[in-house]
Amino acid sequence: MPRHCLTLDLKDDATAIAEYKRYHVKIWPEVKQSLLDAGVVEMEIYLLGTRMFMIMDVNDKFSLSAKAAADAANTKVQEWEAIMGGFQQPLPQSRPGQRWVAMERVFSLAEQ
């Protein structure tokens, strides 16, 4: 199963980080459905300080560009992303307008 690992930073504000975490206790149903419709099978997000790490396990039909296009056409997902964007800050490696950045896998125990 394909896997995508992405990272970004949250703003260094304890109150905002707590609010970000609160939003993720139960994401909006429309956001969850958009992930499932795109082919996301499992998603986990981890936090250390301000650094976020997301793991997405996806099916073979999943495409990051198709997901981005579907999100752009979904007003509820756009509303969610606008709220989340208020908590997030781009990494130095981010392109203009980019938040989540794909990470490079450098090790796999299964391949040893």
N, C-alpha and C. Protein backbone atom coordinates (compact mmCIF):
# COMPACT_ATOMS: atom_id res chain seq x y z
N MET A 1 0.84 -1.17 0.00
CA MET A 1 0.00 0.00 0.00
C MET A 1 0.89 1.24 0.00
N PRO A 2 0.64 2.17 -0.92
CA PRO A 2 1.46 3.40 -0.94
C PRO A 2 1.31 4.21 0.34
N ARG A 3 2.38 4.88 0.69
CA ARG A 3 2.40 5.71 1.91
C ARG A 3 3.02 7.06 1.55
N HIS A 4 2.43 8.11 2.12
CA HIS A 4 2.97 9.46 1.98
C HIS A 4 3.27 9.98 3.38
N CYS A 5 4.44 10.56 3.56
CA CYS A 5 4.84 11.15 4.83
C CYS A 5 5.14 12.62 4.58
N LEU A 6 4.45 13.47 5.32
CA LEU A 6 4.56 14.91 5.11
C LEU A 6 4.80 15.61 6.44
N THR A 7 5.33 16.82 6.35
CA THR A 7 5.63 17.56 7.56
C THR A 7 5.31 19.03 7.37
N LEU A 8 5.07 19.71 8.47
CA LEU A 8 4.94 21.16 8.52
C LEU A 8 5.10 21.60 9.96
N ASP A 9 5.13 22.89 10.17
CA ASP A 9 5.22 23.43 11.52
C ASP A 9 3.94 24.16 11.88
N LEU A 10 3.61 24.11 13.16
CA LEU A 10 2.56 24.96 13.70
C LEU A 10 3.22 26.22 14.23
N LYS A 11 2.43 27.27 14.35
CA LYS A 11 2.94 28.50 14.95
C LYS A 11 3.27 28.21 16.41
N ASP A 12 4.30 28.85 16.90
CA ASP A 12 4.77 28.62 18.26
C ASP A 12 3.90 29.38 19.26
N ASP A 13 2.71 28.83 19.49
CA ASP A 13 1.72 29.45 20.35
C ASP A 13 0.95 28.32 21.02
N ALA A 14 1.16 28.14 22.32
CA ALA A 14 0.58 27.00 23.04
C ALA A 14 -0.94 26.99 22.95
N THR A 15 -1.58 28.14 23.00
CA THR A 15 -3.04 28.20 22.91
C THR A 15 -3.51 27.75 21.53
N ALA A 16 -2.84 28.23 20.49
CA ALA A 16 -3.20 27.85 19.12
C ALA A 16 -2.96 26.36 18.88
N ILE A 17 -1.87 25.83 19.42
CA ILE A 17 -1.59 24.40 19.27
C ILE A 17 -2.67 23.57 19.96
N ALA A 18 -3.09 23.99 21.13
CA ALA A 18 -4.17 23.28 21.83
C ALA A 18 -5.45 23.32 21.01
N GLU A 19 -5.73 24.44 20.38
CA GLU A 19 -6.94 24.56 19.55
C GLU A 19 -6.83 23.68 18.31
N TYR A 20 -5.67 23.64 17.70
CA TYR A 20 -5.43 22.77 16.53
C TYR A 20 -5.70 21.32 16.91
N LYS A 21 -5.17 20.92 18.05
CA LYS A 21 -5.39 19.55 18.52
C LYS A 21 -6.87 19.29 18.79
N ARG A 22 -7.56 20.28 19.34
CA ARG A 22 -8.99 20.13 19.62
C ARG A 22 -9.77 19.89 18.33
N TYR A 23 -9.44 20.62 17.28
CA TYR A 23 -10.11 20.41 15.99
C TYR A 23 -9.93 18.98 15.49
N HIS A 24 -8.80 18.37 15.81
CA HIS A 24 -8.51 17.04 15.29
C HIS A 24 -9.03 15.90 16.16
N VAL A 25 -9.67 16.22 17.29
CA VAL A 25 -10.28 15.17 18.11
C VAL A 25 -11.39 14.49 17.30
N LYS A 26 -12.14 15.28 16.56
CA LYS A 26 -13.17 14.76 15.66
C LYS A 26 -13.27 15.71 14.48
N ILE A 27 -12.62 15.35 13.38
CA ILE A 27 -12.63 16.23 12.22
C ILE A 27 -14.04 16.31 11.63
N TRP A 28 -14.27 17.35 10.86
CA TRP A 28 -15.57 17.54 10.24
C TRP A 28 -15.90 16.36 9.33
N PRO A 29 -17.14 15.91 9.30
CA PRO A 29 -17.51 14.76 8.46
C PRO A 29 -17.18 14.97 6.98
N GLU A 30 -17.33 16.18 6.48
CA GLU A 30 -17.04 16.45 5.07
C GLU A 30 -15.55 16.31 4.78
N VAL A 31 -14.72 16.67 5.73
CA VAL A 31 -13.28 16.54 5.56
C VAL A 31 -12.90 15.06 5.58
N LYS A 32 -13.46 14.33 6.53
CA LYS A 32 -13.21 12.89 6.58
C LYS A 32 -13.64 12.21 5.29
N GLN A 33 -14.83 12.56 4.79
CA GLN A 33 -15.32 11.94 3.57
C GLN A 33 -14.44 12.28 2.38
N SER A 34 -13.91 13.50 2.34
CA SER A 34 -13.03 13.89 1.22
C SER A 34 -11.75 13.05 1.22
N LEU A 35 -11.27 12.73 2.40
CA LEU A 35 -10.08 11.87 2.50
C LEU A 35 -10.39 10.46 2.02
N LEU A 36 -11.49 9.91 2.48
CA LEU A 36 -11.88 8.56 2.08
C LEU A 36 -12.15 8.50 0.58
N ASP A 37 -12.86 9.50 0.05
CA ASP A 37 -13.17 9.53 -1.39
C ASP A 37 -11.91 9.60 -2.24
N ALA A 38 -10.86 10.25 -1.72
CA ALA A 38 -9.61 10.40 -2.47
C ALA A 38 -8.76 9.13 -2.45
N GLY A 39 -9.10 8.20 -1.55
CA GLY A 39 -8.33 6.97 -1.46
C GLY A 39 -7.42 6.88 -0.26
N VAL A 40 -7.60 7.77 0.72
CA VAL A 40 -6.82 7.68 1.94
C VAL A 40 -7.43 6.57 2.79
N VAL A 41 -6.61 5.58 3.11
CA VAL A 41 -7.06 4.42 3.88
C VAL A 41 -6.84 4.66 5.38
N GLU A 42 -5.71 5.28 5.71
CA GLU A 42 -5.37 5.58 7.11
C GLU A 42 -4.53 6.84 7.11
N MET A 43 -4.73 7.66 8.14
CA MET A 43 -3.94 8.87 8.29
C MET A 43 -3.67 9.07 9.78
N GLU A 44 -2.43 9.39 10.09
CA GLU A 44 -2.06 9.73 11.46
C GLU A 44 -1.22 11.01 11.41
N ILE A 45 -1.41 11.86 12.42
CA ILE A 45 -0.60 13.07 12.55
C ILE A 45 0.04 13.05 13.93
N TYR A 46 1.33 13.32 13.97
CA TYR A 46 2.09 13.37 15.21
C TYR A 46 2.64 14.78 15.40
N LEU A 47 2.86 15.15 16.65
CA LEU A 47 3.35 16.48 16.99
C LEU A 47 4.49 16.38 17.99
N LEU A 48 5.55 17.15 17.73
CA LEU A 48 6.64 17.32 18.68
C LEU A 48 6.97 18.81 18.69
N GLY A 49 6.66 19.48 19.80
CA GLY A 49 6.85 20.93 19.85
C GLY A 49 5.92 21.58 18.85
N THR A 50 6.49 22.17 17.80
CA THR A 50 5.67 22.75 16.74
C THR A 50 5.72 21.93 15.45
N ARG A 51 6.55 20.91 15.41
CA ARG A 51 6.72 20.11 14.18
C ARG A 51 5.66 19.04 14.08
N MET A 52 4.93 19.05 12.96
CA MET A 52 3.92 18.05 12.67
C MET A 52 4.48 17.02 11.69
N PHE A 53 4.02 15.79 11.82
CA PHE A 53 4.41 14.71 10.91
C PHE A 53 3.16 13.92 10.58
N MET A 54 2.82 13.81 9.30
CA MET A 54 1.62 13.10 8.87
C MET A 54 2.01 11.88 8.04
N ILE A 55 1.38 10.77 8.37
CA ILE A 55 1.54 9.53 7.61
C ILE A 55 0.19 9.23 6.97
N MET A 56 0.17 9.09 5.64
CA MET A 56 -1.04 8.72 4.92
C MET A 56 -0.81 7.42 4.18
N ASP A 57 -1.57 6.41 4.53
CA ASP A 57 -1.59 5.18 3.75
C ASP A 57 -2.75 5.31 2.78
N VAL A 58 -2.49 5.08 1.51
CA VAL A 58 -3.48 5.34 0.46
C VAL A 58 -3.63 4.13 -0.44
N ASN A 59 -4.76 4.08 -1.15
CA ASN A 59 -4.94 3.01 -2.11
C ASN A 59 -4.29 3.41 -3.44
N ASP A 60 -4.34 2.51 -4.41
CA ASP A 60 -3.65 2.74 -5.67
C ASP A 60 -4.27 3.84 -6.52
N LYS A 61 -5.51 4.23 -6.24
CA LYS A 61 -6.14 5.30 -7.03
C LYS A 61 -5.77 6.70 -6.51
N PHE A 62 -5.12 6.78 -5.35
CA PHE A 62 -4.82 8.07 -4.74
C PHE A 62 -3.81 8.85 -5.56
N SER A 63 -4.05 10.16 -5.65
CA SER A 63 -3.13 11.08 -6.30
C SER A 63 -3.15 12.39 -5.52
N LEU A 64 -1.98 12.90 -5.15
CA LEU A 64 -1.92 14.17 -4.44
C LEU A 64 -2.53 15.30 -5.27
N SER A 65 -2.26 15.32 -6.57
CA SER A 65 -2.79 16.39 -7.41
C SER A 65 -4.31 16.27 -7.57
N ALA A 66 -4.82 15.06 -7.69
CA ALA A 66 -6.28 14.87 -7.77
C ALA A 66 -6.94 15.26 -6.46
N LYS A 67 -6.31 14.95 -5.33
CA LYS A 67 -6.84 15.33 -4.02
C LYS A 67 -6.87 16.85 -3.90
N ALA A 68 -5.81 17.51 -4.34
CA ALA A 68 -5.76 18.98 -4.28
C ALA A 68 -6.86 19.59 -5.14
N ALA A 69 -7.10 19.04 -6.32
CA ALA A 69 -8.15 19.55 -7.20
C ALA A 69 -9.53 19.34 -6.59
N ALA A 70 -9.76 18.17 -6.01
CA ALA A 70 -11.05 17.90 -5.36
C ALA A 70 -11.25 18.83 -4.17
N ASP A 71 -10.19 19.06 -3.40
CA ASP A 71 -10.28 19.96 -2.25
C ASP A 71 -10.60 21.38 -2.68
N ALA A 72 -10.03 21.82 -3.79
CA ALA A 72 -10.27 23.18 -4.28
C ALA A 72 -11.73 23.38 -4.66
N ALA A 73 -12.41 22.30 -5.04
CA ALA A 73 -13.81 22.38 -5.44
C ALA A 73 -14.77 22.13 -4.29
N ASN A 74 -14.26 21.83 -3.11
CA ASN A 74 -15.10 21.47 -1.96
C ASN A 74 -15.08 22.63 -0.96
N THR A 75 -16.19 23.36 -0.85
CA THR A 75 -16.21 24.55 0.00
C THR A 75 -15.98 24.23 1.47
N LYS A 76 -16.47 23.08 1.94
CA LYS A 76 -16.29 22.73 3.35
C LYS A 76 -14.82 22.41 3.63
N VAL A 77 -14.16 21.71 2.71
CA VAL A 77 -12.73 21.42 2.87
C VAL A 77 -11.94 22.73 2.81
N GLN A 78 -12.32 23.65 1.93
CA GLN A 78 -11.64 24.94 1.85
C GLN A 78 -11.80 25.72 3.16
N GLU A 79 -12.99 25.65 3.77
CA GLU A 79 -13.21 26.31 5.05
C GLU A 79 -12.30 25.71 6.12
N TRP A 80 -12.22 24.36 6.16
CA TRP A 80 -11.35 23.66 7.10
C TRP A 80 -9.89 24.08 6.89
N GLU A 81 -9.46 24.07 5.63
CA GLU A 81 -8.07 24.41 5.32
C GLU A 81 -7.75 25.85 5.71
N ALA A 82 -8.70 26.75 5.55
CA ALA A 82 -8.47 28.14 5.95
C ALA A 82 -8.28 28.24 7.46
N ILE A 83 -9.09 27.51 8.21
CA ILE A 83 -8.94 27.52 9.67
C ILE A 83 -7.60 26.90 10.06
N MET A 84 -7.27 25.73 9.49
CA MET A 84 -6.01 25.07 9.83
C MET A 84 -4.82 25.93 9.42
N GLY A 85 -4.94 26.62 8.30
CA GLY A 85 -3.85 27.48 7.85
C GLY A 85 -3.51 28.58 8.84
N GLY A 86 -4.49 28.99 9.63
CA GLY A 86 -4.23 29.99 10.65
C GLY A 86 -3.34 29.50 11.78
N PHE A 87 -3.25 28.18 11.94
CA PHE A 87 -2.41 27.58 12.97
C PHE A 87 -1.03 27.21 12.43
N GLN A 88 -0.92 27.07 11.12
CA GLN A 88 0.28 26.51 10.50
C GLN A 88 1.21 27.60 9.98
N GLN A 89 2.49 27.22 9.85
CA GLN A 89 3.45 28.11 9.22
C GLN A 89 4.30 27.28 8.27
N PRO A 90 4.66 27.85 7.14
CA PRO A 90 5.42 27.07 6.16
C PRO A 90 6.84 26.77 6.64
N LEU A 91 7.35 25.66 6.16
CA LEU A 91 8.74 25.30 6.41
C LEU A 91 9.63 26.09 5.45
N PRO A 92 10.91 26.24 5.77
CA PRO A 92 11.82 26.93 4.84
C PRO A 92 11.86 26.26 3.46
N GLN A 93 11.60 24.95 3.40
CA GLN A 93 11.64 24.22 2.14
C GLN A 93 10.35 24.34 1.34
N SER A 94 9.32 24.97 1.89
CA SER A 94 8.03 25.07 1.23
C SER A 94 8.07 25.98 0.01
N ARG A 95 7.32 25.58 -1.01
CA ARG A 95 7.09 26.47 -2.15
C ARG A 95 6.04 27.49 -1.74
N PRO A 96 5.94 28.61 -2.43
CA PRO A 96 4.91 29.60 -2.09
C PRO A 96 3.51 28.96 -2.07
N GLY A 97 2.79 29.19 -0.99
CA GLY A 97 1.45 28.64 -0.83
C GLY A 97 1.40 27.21 -0.34
N GLN A 98 2.53 26.54 -0.23
CA GLN A 98 2.58 25.15 0.21
C GLN A 98 2.69 25.09 1.73
N ARG A 99 1.93 24.17 2.32
CA ARG A 99 2.05 23.95 3.76
C ARG A 99 2.70 22.60 4.02
N TRP A 100 1.99 21.51 3.79
CA TRP A 100 2.57 20.18 4.03
C TRP A 100 3.62 19.90 2.96
N VAL A 101 4.79 19.42 3.39
CA VAL A 101 5.90 19.12 2.50
C VAL A 101 6.23 17.63 2.61
N ALA A 102 6.37 16.99 1.46
CA ALA A 102 6.70 15.56 1.44
C ALA A 102 8.10 15.34 1.99
N MET A 103 8.23 14.29 2.79
CA MET A 103 9.52 13.94 3.38
C MET A 103 10.16 12.81 2.56
N GLU A 104 11.46 12.74 2.60
CA GLU A 104 12.20 11.69 1.92
C GLU A 104 12.42 10.53 2.87
N ARG A 105 12.06 9.33 2.43
CA ARG A 105 12.33 8.15 3.25
C ARG A 105 13.81 7.81 3.10
N VAL A 106 14.49 7.65 4.22
CA VAL A 106 15.91 7.35 4.19
C VAL A 106 16.22 5.96 4.75
N PHE A 107 15.22 5.27 5.30
CA PHE A 107 15.45 3.95 5.86
C PHE A 107 14.16 3.14 5.90
N SER A 108 14.30 1.86 5.63
CA SER A 108 13.18 0.91 5.79
C SER A 108 13.75 -0.40 6.31
N LEU A 109 13.33 -0.80 7.49
CA LEU A 109 13.77 -2.07 8.06
C LEU A 109 13.38 -3.23 7.14
N ALA A 110 12.22 -3.14 6.52
CA ALA A 110 11.74 -4.21 5.66
C ALA A 110 12.64 -4.44 4.45
N GLU A 111 13.41 -3.43 4.07
CA GLU A 111 14.29 -3.56 2.91
C GLU A 111 15.72 -3.92 3.29
N GLN A 112 15.96 -4.19 4.56
CA GLN A 112 17.31 -4.54 5.00
C GLN A 112 17.54 -6.03 4.89
